[in-house]
C-alpha atoms as a PDB file:
ATOM      1  CA  UNK A   1      39.346 -88.054-193.886  1.00  0.00           C
ATOM      2  CA  UNK A   2      41.020 -87.302-190.651  1.00  0.00           C
ATOM      3  CA  UNK A   3      40.592 -83.670-189.396  1.00  0.00           C
ATOM      4  CA  UNK A   4      43.627 -81.768-187.825  1.00  0.00           C
ATOM      5  CA  UNK A   5      43.834 -78.660-185.796  1.00  0.00           C
ATOM      6  CA  UNK A   6      47.015 -77.545-187.568  1.00  0.00           C
ATOM      7  CA  UNK A   7      46.528 -78.681-191.230  1.00  0.00           C
ATOM      8  CA  UNK A   8      43.712 -79.193-193.639  1.00  0.00           C
ATOM      9  CA  UNK A   9      42.146 -82.531-193.736  1.00  0.00           C
ATOM     10  CA  UNK A  10      44.241 -85.249-195.500  1.00  0.00           C
ATOM     11  CA  UNK A  11      42.959 -86.618-198.817  1.00  0.00           C
ATOM     12  CA  UNK A  12      44.393 -89.680-200.650  1.00  0.00           C
ATOM     13  CA  UNK A  13      43.497 -89.656-204.288  1.00  0.00           C
ATOM     14  CA  UNK A  14      45.084 -90.370-207.686  1.00  0.00           C
ATOM     15  CA  UNK A  15      47.375 -87.618-209.053  1.00  0.00           C
ATOM     16  CA  UNK A  16      45.796 -85.697-211.959  1.00  0.00           C
ATOM     17  CA  UNK A  17      47.494 -82.748-213.345  1.00  0.00           C
ATOM     18  CA  UNK A  18      50.891 -81.938-214.794  1.00  0.00           C
ATOM     19  CA  UNK A  19      51.509 -79.695-211.838  1.00  0.00           C
ATOM     20  CA  UNK A  20      50.641 -82.393-209.323  1.00  0.00           C
ATOM     21  CA  UNK A  21      53.094 -84.815-211.101  1.00  0.00           C
ATOM     22  CA  UNK A  22      55.864 -82.282-210.840  1.00  0.00           C
ATOM     23  CA  UNK A  23      55.042 -81.939-207.132  1.00  0.00           C
ATOM     24  CA  UNK A  24      55.587 -85.651-206.851  1.00  0.00           C
ATOM     25  CA  UNK A  25      59.230 -85.036-208.235  1.00  0.00           C
ATOM     26  CA  UNK A  26      59.694 -82.250-205.568  1.00  0.00           C
ATOM     27  CA  UNK A  27      58.766 -84.550-202.788  1.00  0.00           C
ATOM     28  CA  UNK A  28      61.123 -87.145-204.195  1.00  0.00           C
ATOM     29  CA  UNK A  29      63.977 -84.683-204.188  1.00  0.00           C
ATOM     30  CA  UNK A  30      63.228 -83.532-200.599  1.00  0.00           C
ATOM     31  CA  UNK A  31      62.514 -86.841-199.042  1.00  0.00           C
ATOM     32  CA  UNK A  32      65.588 -88.763-200.414  1.00  0.00           C
ATOM     33  CA  UNK A  33      67.932 -85.839-200.680  1.00  0.00           C
ATOM     34  CA  UNK A  34      68.225 -86.498-204.480  1.00  0.00           C
ATOM     35  CA  UNK A  35      70.531 -84.179-206.376  1.00  0.00           C
ATOM     36  CA  UNK A  36      71.193 -86.484-209.373  1.00  0.00           C
ATOM     37  CA  UNK A  37      68.225 -85.878-211.652  1.00  0.00           C
ATOM     38  CA  UNK A  38      68.601 -89.302-213.243  1.00  0.00           C
ATOM     39  CA  UNK A  39      67.002 -90.846-209.993  1.00  0.00           C
ATOM     40  CA  UNK A  40      63.723 -88.890-210.426  1.00  0.00           C
ATOM     41  CA  UNK A  41      60.781 -90.708-212.098  1.00  0.00           C
ATOM     42  CA  UNK A  42      60.094 -88.551-215.214  1.00  0.00           C
ATOM     43  CA  UNK A  43      56.690 -86.802-215.381  1.00  0.00           C
ATOM     44  CA  UNK A  44      55.954 -88.626-218.711  1.00  0.00           C
ATOM     45  CA  UNK A  45      56.528 -92.034-216.951  1.00  0.00           C
ATOM     46  CA  UNK A  46      54.183 -91.115-214.110  1.00  0.00           C
ATOM     47  CA  UNK A  47      51.465 -89.943-216.483  1.00  0.00           C
ATOM     48  CA  UNK A  48      51.844 -93.098-218.755  1.00  0.00           C
ATOM     49  CA  UNK A  49      51.780 -95.557-215.748  1.00  0.00           C
ATOM     50  CA  UNK A  50      48.637 -93.898-214.408  1.00  0.00           C
ATOM     51  CA  UNK A  51      46.864 -94.319-217.757  1.00  0.00           C
ATOM     52  CA  UNK A  52      48.133 -97.873-218.478  1.00  0.00           C
ATOM     53  CA  UNK A  53      47.117 -99.956-215.558  1.00  0.00           C
ATOM     54  CA  UNK A  54      49.333 -98.454-212.715  1.00  0.00           C
ATOM     55  CA  UNK A  55      48.707 -96.344-209.892  1.00  0.00           C
ATOM     56  CA  UNK A  56      50.146 -92.908-208.850  1.00  0.00           C
ATOM     57  CA  UNK A  57      48.526 -91.765-205.587  1.00  0.00           C
ATOM     58  CA  UNK A  58      48.963 -88.390-203.852  1.00  0.00           C
ATOM     59  CA  UNK A  59      48.369 -87.343-200.185  1.00  0.00           C
ATOM     60  CA  UNK A  60      47.023 -83.952-200.213  1.00  0.00           C
ATOM     61  CA  UNK A  61      46.464 -81.246-197.583  1.00  0.00           C
ATOM     62  CA  UNK A  62      44.357 -78.961-199.284  1.00  0.00           C
ATOM     63  CA  UNK A  63      46.020 -78.262-202.578  1.00  0.00           C
ATOM     64  CA  UNK A  64      49.418 -79.162-201.111  1.00  0.00           C
ATOM     65  CA  UNK A  65      50.985 -82.610-202.076  1.00  0.00           C
ATOM     66  CA  UNK A  66      52.651 -83.962-199.043  1.00  0.00           C
ATOM     67  CA  UNK A  67      53.196 -87.489-200.102  1.00  0.00           C
ATOM     68  CA  UNK A  68      52.884 -90.034-202.911  1.00  0.00           C
ATOM     69  CA  UNK A  69      53.096 -93.620-203.871  1.00  0.00           C
ATOM     70  CA  UNK A  70      54.037 -94.795-207.369  1.00  0.00           C
ATOM     71  CA  UNK A  71      53.279 -98.394-208.340  1.00  0.00           C
ATOM     72  CA  UNK A  72      52.636-100.430-211.501  1.00  0.00           C
ATOM     73  CA  UNK A  73      51.744-104.069-212.466  1.00  0.00           C
ATOM     74  CA  UNK A  74      54.570-106.588-212.118  1.00  0.00           C
ATOM     75  CA  UNK A  75      55.018-110.318-211.580  1.00  0.00           C
ATOM     76  CA  UNK A  76      56.450-112.175-208.384  1.00  0.00           C
ATOM     77  CA  UNK A  77      56.850-115.922-208.580  1.00  0.00           C
ATOM     78  CA  UNK A  78      54.466-116.095-211.541  1.00  0.00           C
ATOM     79  CA  UNK A  79      51.484-114.062-210.106  1.00  0.00           C
ATOM     80  CA  UNK A  80      50.432-110.434-210.957  1.00  0.00           C
ATOM     81  CA  UNK A  81      51.211-108.009-208.096  1.00  0.00           C
ATOM     82  CA  UNK A  82      51.108-104.260-207.652  1.00  0.00           C
ATOM     83  CA  UNK A  83      54.851-103.286-207.592  1.00  0.00           C
ATOM     84  CA  UNK A  84      55.095-100.150-205.381  1.00  0.00           C
ATOM     85  CA  UNK A  85      58.330 -98.517-206.698  1.00  0.00           C
ATOM     86  CA  UNK A  86      58.253 -95.524-204.371  1.00  0.00           C
ATOM     87  CA  UNK A  87      56.261 -94.145-201.394  1.00  0.00           C
ATOM     88  CA  UNK A  88      57.495 -90.845-199.801  1.00  0.00           C
ATOM     89  CA  UNK A  89      56.210 -88.567-197.229  1.00  0.00           C
ATOM     90  CA  UNK A  90      57.395 -85.085-196.446  1.00  0.00           C
ATOM     91  CA  UNK A  91      59.682 -85.180-193.365  1.00  0.00           C
ATOM     92  CA  UNK A  92      57.521 -83.323-190.944  1.00  0.00           C
ATOM     93  CA  UNK A  93      54.549 -85.648-191.451  1.00  0.00           C
ATOM     94  CA  UNK A  94      56.466 -88.959-191.489  1.00  0.00           C
ATOM     95  CA  UNK A  95      55.138 -90.089-188.143  1.00  0.00           C
ATOM     96  CA  UNK A  96      51.585 -88.807-188.847  1.00  0.00           C
ATOM     97  CA  UNK A  97      50.071 -91.880-190.455  1.00  0.00           C
ATOM     98  CA  UNK A  98      50.348 -90.484-194.074  1.00  0.00           C
ATOM     99  CA  UNK A  99      52.488 -93.327-195.232  1.00  0.00           C
ATOM    100  CA  UNK A 100      50.052 -95.907-193.758  1.00  0.00           C
ATOM    101  CA  UNK A 101      47.168 -94.352-195.552  1.00  0.00           C
ATOM    102  CA  UNK A 102      48.994 -94.433-198.799  1.00  0.00           C
ATOM    103  CA  UNK A 103      49.882 -98.059-198.406  1.00  0.00           C
ATOM    104  CA  UNK A 104      46.251 -98.924-197.316  1.00  0.00           C
ATOM    105  CA  UNK A 105      44.988 -97.095-200.504  1.00  0.00           C
ATOM    106  CA  UNK A 106      47.407 -99.142-202.685  1.00  0.00           C
ATOM    107  CA  UNK A 107      46.220-102.357-201.056  1.00  0.00           C
ATOM    108  CA  UNK A 108      42.485-101.519-201.678  1.00  0.00           C
ATOM    109  CA  UNK A 109      43.175-100.655-205.282  1.00  0.00           C
ATOM    110  CA  UNK A 110      45.164-103.955-205.678  1.00  0.00           C
ATOM    111  CA  UNK A 111      42.287-105.936-204.031  1.00  0.00           C
ATOM    112  CA  UNK A 112      39.751-104.304-206.439  1.00  0.00           C
ATOM    113  CA  UNK A 113      42.035-105.145-209.385  1.00  0.00           C
ATOM    114  CA  UNK A 114      42.016-108.795-208.452  1.00  0.00           C
ATOM    115  CA  UNK A 115      45.725-108.966-207.370  1.00  0.00           C
ATOM    116  CA  UNK A 116      46.920-110.965-204.584  1.00  0.00           C
ATOM    117  CA  UNK A 117      49.841-108.738-203.356  1.00  0.00           C
ATOM    118  CA  UNK A 118      51.264-105.493-203.072  1.00  0.00           C
ATOM    119  CA  UNK A 119      55.174-105.644-203.125  1.00  0.00           C
ATOM    120  CA  UNK A 120      58.102-103.306-202.696  1.00  0.00           C
ATOM    121  CA  UNK A 121      61.636-103.198-201.732  1.00  0.00           C
ATOM    122  CA  UNK A 122      63.446-101.505-198.899  1.00  0.00           C
ATOM    123  CA  UNK A 123      66.911-101.009-197.270  1.00  0.00           C
ATOM    124  CA  UNK A 124      67.265-103.981-194.741  1.00  0.00           C
ATOM    125  CA  UNK A 125      69.340-101.663-192.490  1.00  0.00           C
ATOM    126  CA  UNK A 126      66.612 -98.968-192.183  1.00  0.00           C
ATOM    127  CA  UNK A 127      65.040 -99.905-188.740  1.00  0.00           C
ATOM    128  CA  UNK A 128      62.064 -97.395-189.174  1.00  0.00           C
ATOM    129  CA  UNK A 129      61.080 -98.811-192.464  1.00  0.00           C
ATOM    130  CA  UNK A 130      61.528-102.376-191.313  1.00  0.00           C
ATOM    131  CA  UNK A 131      59.251-101.694-188.385  1.00  0.00           C
ATOM    132  CA  UNK A 132      56.615 -99.991-190.509  1.00  0.00           C
ATOM    133  CA  UNK A 133      56.669-102.665-193.226  1.00  0.00           C
ATOM    134  CA  UNK A 134      56.668-105.720-191.137  1.00  0.00           C
ATOM    135  CA  UNK A 135      55.227-104.798-187.642  1.00  0.00           C
ATOM    136  CA  UNK A 136      52.665-102.052-188.639  1.00  0.00           C
ATOM    137  CA  UNK A 137      51.532-103.257-191.952  1.00  0.00           C
ATOM    138  CA  UNK A 138      52.144-107.112-191.606  1.00  0.00           C
ATOM    139  CA  UNK A 139      54.176-107.553-194.740  1.00  0.00           C
ATOM    140  CA  UNK A 140      56.491-110.543-194.916  1.00  0.00           C
ATOM    141  CA  UNK A 141      60.075-110.981-196.553  1.00  0.00           C
ATOM    142  CA  UNK A 142      61.670-114.040-197.981  1.00  0.00           C
ATOM    143  CA  UNK A 143      63.804-112.458-200.808  1.00  0.00           C
ATOM    144  CA  UNK A 144      67.170-110.615-200.416  1.00  0.00           C
ATOM    145  CA  UNK A 145      68.656-108.635-203.317  1.00  0.00           C
ATOM    146  CA  UNK A 146      72.282-107.670-203.061  1.00  0.00           C
ATOM    147  CA  UNK A 147      73.299-104.403-204.546  1.00  0.00           C
ATOM    148  CA  UNK A 148      69.801-104.141-206.120  1.00  0.00           C
ATOM    149  CA  UNK A 149      70.165-100.727-207.946  1.00  0.00           C
ATOM    150  CA  UNK A 150      73.931-100.597-208.188  1.00  0.00           C
ATOM    151  CA  UNK A 151      75.817 -97.557-206.813  1.00  0.00           C
ATOM    152  CA  UNK A 152      73.531 -94.747-205.414  1.00  0.00           C
ATOM    153  CA  UNK A 153      74.614 -91.320-204.291  1.00  0.00           C
ATOM    154  CA  UNK A 154      71.305 -89.972-202.529  1.00  0.00           C
ATOM    155  CA  UNK A 155      71.684 -89.053-199.028  1.00  0.00           C
ATOM    156  CA  UNK A 156      70.126 -92.199-197.593  1.00  0.00           C
ATOM    157  CA  UNK A 157      72.183 -94.674-199.696  1.00  0.00           C
ATOM    158  CA  UNK A 158      75.671 -93.115-200.047  1.00  0.00           C
ATOM    159  CA  UNK A 159      78.485 -95.154-198.744  1.00  0.00           C
ATOM    160  CA  UNK A 160      76.784 -98.538-198.876  1.00  0.00           C
ATOM    161  CA  UNK A 161      75.857-101.069-201.493  1.00  0.00           C
ATOM    162  CA  UNK A 162      72.061-100.811-202.462  1.00  0.00           C
ATOM    163  CA  UNK A 163      70.975-104.174-200.720  1.00  0.00           C
ATOM    164  CA  UNK A 164      67.119-104.616-200.622  1.00  0.00           C
ATOM    165  CA  UNK A 165      64.603-106.875-199.040  1.00  0.00           C
ATOM    166  CA  UNK A 166      61.395-107.501-201.015  1.00  0.00           C
ATOM    167  CA  UNK A 167      58.320-106.899-198.798  1.00  0.00           C
ATOM    168  CA  UNK A 168      55.243-108.994-199.754  1.00  0.00           C
ATOM    169  CA  UNK A 169      51.881-107.715-198.474  1.00  0.00           C
ATOM    170  CA  UNK A 170      48.751-109.824-199.125  1.00  0.00           C
ATOM    171  CA  UNK A 171      45.581-107.842-199.927  1.00  0.00           C
ATOM    172  CA  UNK A 172      43.697-110.090-197.610  1.00  0.00           C
ATOM    173  CA  UNK A 173      44.481-110.728-193.855  1.00  0.00           C
ATOM    174  CA  UNK A 174      44.765-114.558-193.999  1.00  0.00           C
ATOM    175  CA  UNK A 175      46.283-116.128-190.954  1.00  0.00           C
ATOM    176  CA  UNK A 176      49.420-118.122-191.541  1.00  0.00           C
ATOM    177  CA  UNK A 177      50.552-121.251-189.663  1.00  0.00           C
ATOM    178  CA  UNK A 178      54.185-121.320-188.303  1.00  0.00           C
ATOM    179  CA  UNK A 179      56.173-124.217-186.802  1.00  0.00           C
ATOM    180  CA  UNK A 180      56.183-124.291-183.041  1.00  0.00           C
ATOM    181  CA  UNK A 181      59.042-122.778-180.916  1.00  0.00           C
ATOM    182  CA  UNK A 182      61.668-125.061-179.655  1.00  0.00           C
ATOM    183  CA  UNK A 183      63.788-123.041-177.352  1.00  0.00           C
ATOM    184  CA  UNK A 184      65.440-119.773-177.505  1.00  0.00           C
ATOM    185  CA  UNK A 185      65.478-117.847-180.766  1.00  0.00           C
ATOM    186  CA  UNK A 186      68.672-118.211-182.761  1.00  0.00           C
ATOM    187  CA  UNK A 187      70.616-115.019-182.994  1.00  0.00           C
ATOM    188  CA  UNK A 188      71.923-114.818-186.587  1.00  0.00           C
ATOM    189  CA  UNK A 189      73.984-111.738-186.087  1.00  0.00           C
ATOM    190  CA  UNK A 190      75.206-110.848-182.614  1.00  0.00           C
ATOM    191  CA  UNK A 191      77.013-107.408-182.468  1.00  0.00           C
ATOM    192  CA  UNK A 192      79.671-106.708-179.953  1.00  0.00           C
ATOM    193  CA  UNK A 193      79.530-102.967-179.246  1.00  0.00           C
ATOM    194  CA  UNK A 194      82.830-102.616-177.520  1.00  0.00           C
ATOM    195  CA  UNK A 195      84.866-104.589-180.018  1.00  0.00           C
ATOM    196  CA  UNK A 196      82.956-103.686-183.159  1.00  0.00           C
ATOM    197  CA  UNK A 197      82.760-107.325-184.170  1.00  0.00           C
ATOM    198  CA  UNK A 198      80.025-109.761-185.122  1.00  0.00           C
ATOM    199  CA  UNK A 199      79.256-113.334-184.054  1.00  0.00           C
ATOM    200  CA  UNK A 200      77.380-115.179-186.827  1.00  0.00           C
ATOM    201  CA  UNK A 201      75.185-118.279-186.557  1.00  0.00           C
ATOM    202  CA  UNK A 202      76.329-121.231-188.729  1.00  0.00           C
ATOM    203  CA  UNK A 203      74.193-123.392-191.140  1.00  0.00           C
ATOM    204  CA  UNK A 204      73.811-126.226-188.604  1.00  0.00           C
ATOM    205  CA  UNK A 205      72.228-123.938-186.103  1.00  0.00           C
ATOM    206  CA  UNK A 206      69.777-122.721-188.768  1.00  0.00           C
ATOM    207  CA  UNK A 207      68.654-126.177-189.340  1.00  0.00           C
ATOM    208  CA  UNK A 208      68.075-127.000-185.765  1.00  0.00           C
ATOM    209  CA  UNK A 209      65.940-123.862-185.055  1.00  0.00           C
ATOM    210  CA  UNK A 210      62.640-122.704-186.209  1.00  0.00           C
ATOM    211  CA  UNK A 211      62.755-118.981-184.961  1.00  0.00           C
ATOM    212  CA  UNK A 212      65.644-116.709-185.481  1.00  0.00           C
ATOM    213  CA  UNK A 213      66.404-112.960-184.817  1.00  0.00           C
ATOM    214  CA  UNK A 214      68.496-110.785-187.210  1.00  0.00           C
ATOM    215  CA  UNK A 215      69.837-107.706-185.620  1.00  0.00           C
ATOM    216  CA  UNK A 216      70.440-104.404-187.604  1.00  0.00           C
ATOM    217  CA  UNK A 217      71.786-101.024-186.375  1.00  0.00           C
ATOM    218  CA  UNK A 218      68.970 -99.258-184.240  1.00  0.00           C
ATOM    219  CA  UNK A 219      70.079 -95.954-185.727  1.00  0.00           C
ATOM    220  CA  UNK A 220      71.738 -96.318-189.141  1.00  0.00           C
ATOM    221  CA  UNK A 221      72.371 -92.701-189.789  1.00  0.00           C
ATOM    222  CA  UNK A 222      74.240 -92.117-186.510  1.00  0.00           C
ATOM    223  CA  UNK A 223      76.360 -95.267-186.972  1.00  0.00           C
ATOM    224  CA  UNK A 224      77.249 -94.224-190.482  1.00  0.00           C
ATOM    225  CA  UNK A 225      78.491 -90.877-189.177  1.00  0.00           C
ATOM    226  CA  UNK A 226      80.482 -92.455-186.321  1.00  0.00           C
ATOM    227  CA  UNK A 227      81.613 -95.756-187.673  1.00  0.00           C
ATOM    228  CA  UNK A 228      81.120 -96.340-191.385  1.00  0.00           C
ATOM    229  CA  UNK A 229      83.549 -99.362-191.406  1.00  0.00           C
ATOM    230  CA  UNK A 230      81.171-100.912-188.877  1.00  0.00           C
ATOM    231  CA  UNK A 231      78.164-100.278-191.004  1.00  0.00           C
ATOM    232  CA  UNK A 232      79.769-101.902-194.002  1.00  0.00           C
ATOM    233  CA  UNK A 233      80.598-104.931-192.134  1.00  0.00           C
ATOM    234  CA  UNK A 234      77.137-105.082-190.592  1.00  0.00           C
ATOM    235  CA  UNK A 235      75.670-104.859-194.103  1.00  0.00           C
ATOM    236  CA  UNK A 236      77.785-107.822-195.145  1.00  0.00           C
ATOM    237  CA  UNK A 237      76.783-109.873-192.213  1.00  0.00           C
ATOM    238  CA  UNK A 238      73.095-109.115-192.665  1.00  0.00           C
ATOM    239  CA  UNK A 239      73.465-110.034-196.432  1.00  0.00           C
ATOM    240  CA  UNK A 240      75.042-113.407-195.739  1.00  0.00           C
ATOM    241  CA  UNK A 241      72.667-114.363-192.700  1.00  0.00           C
ATOM    242  CA  UNK A 242      69.583-113.245-194.213  1.00  0.00           C
ATOM    243  CA  UNK A 243      70.239-114.996-197.535  1.00  0.00           C
ATOM    244  CA  UNK A 244      71.178-118.237-195.685  1.00  0.00           C
ATOM    245  CA  UNK A 245      68.007-118.012-193.535  1.00  0.00           C
ATOM    246  CA  UNK A 246      65.675-117.561-196.574  1.00  0.00           C
ATOM    247  CA  UNK A 247      67.504-120.375-198.482  1.00  0.00           C
ATOM    248  CA  UNK A 248      66.679-122.524-195.305  1.00  0.00           C
ATOM    249  CA  UNK A 249      63.002-121.701-195.568  1.00  0.00           C
ATOM    250  CA  UNK A 250      62.748-118.900-192.934  1.00  0.00           C
ATOM    251  CA  UNK A 251      60.489-115.897-193.543  1.00  0.00           C
ATOM    252  CA  UNK A 252      60.965-112.580-191.998  1.00  0.00           C
ATOM    253  CA  UNK A 253      57.471-111.947-190.292  1.00  0.00           C
ATOM    254  CA  UNK A 254      57.948-109.263-187.736  1.00  0.00           C
ATOM    255  CA  UNK A 255      60.407-106.409-186.578  1.00  0.00           C
ATOM    256  CA  UNK A 256      61.199-105.426-183.013  1.00  0.00           C
ATOM    257  CA  UNK A 257      62.714-102.042-182.053  1.00  0.00           C
ATOM    258  CA  UNK A 258      63.397-102.088-178.332  1.00  0.00           C
ATOM    259  CA  UNK A 259      63.400 -98.636-176.446  1.00  0.00           C
ATOM    260  CA  UNK A 260      66.485 -97.152-174.877  1.00  0.00           C
ATOM    261  CA  UNK A 261      69.904 -95.853-176.157  1.00  0.00           C
ATOM    262  CA  UNK A 262      71.471 -99.391-175.982  1.00  0.00           C
ATOM    263  CA  UNK A 263      68.436-101.327-177.133  1.00  0.00           C
ATOM    264  CA  UNK A 264      68.423-103.849-180.092  1.00  0.00           C
ATOM    265  CA  UNK A 265      66.631-103.753-183.418  1.00  0.00           C
ATOM    266  CA  UNK A 266      65.969-107.090-185.042  1.00  0.00           C
ATOM    267  CA  UNK A 267      63.867-108.917-187.543  1.00  0.00           C
ATOM    268  CA  UNK A 268      61.942-111.902-186.294  1.00  0.00           C
ATOM    269  CA  UNK A 269      62.233-114.934-188.697  1.00  0.00           C
ATOM    270  CA  UNK A 270      60.229-118.033-188.523  1.00  0.00           C
ATOM    271  CA  UNK A 271      59.832-121.371-190.251  1.00  0.00           C
ATOM    272  CA  UNK A 272      56.318-121.784-191.887  1.00  0.00           C
ATOM    273  CA  UNK A 273      54.399-124.943-190.924  1.00  0.00           C
ATOM    274  CA  UNK A 274      54.251-125.869-194.758  1.00  0.00           C
ATOM    275  CA  UNK A 275      57.178-125.386-196.880  1.00  0.00           C
END
């Protein structure tokens, strides 16, 4: 456990009581701004998954639940994995390492169960999540799902189709070989801030390159408030270019978020040495 001068020590453990499962629902409401009750995972489902081979973890400060993760057994390309459906942390603690500890606990559980991967989906346009998943944890992405959940009305998703990337996180830190660099990285999406337009790489450029960069909005929420039309166009560009890159064999293996008001935020995609 890690001590804090302001809060009780943080403990990660399985959720146990009905009151704790209800607290998981309350965290869901607050983290995602949920007003439609149909989006909440029912308490009965949480309990059933916990007792039937899945995992519902809580992050507790004393008796208070401040974060959780909810996962169950699934299959990706024919192998059993821990499918992490939800991980949420109270807003005031999201930069305090709680999410990382929850994910590490999921990974440890999956390893002990003999599973090869922990997987989950996330919004490709959310720079904070992308950096956490790929840069902080070391997950990889090679699958893009257009409008995965259909229309959603929660605060983070309203106004856009629910596109998702599938993050794949091996339970062991095995090194992976990548094809060598041959020149400057290919920019799959180049955004012109003044005109609000996009330049897109074509299929021939994808074949000639082995390293590519895929730009997304550095601050999605701010851009949605100012230019929702640009955000929708950006989502369409990311969907097309990311899908094309994955089809050509690329894997999203890192994420860069540059400092500064006009800085870029982008995925780094590479060609594996073995296809």
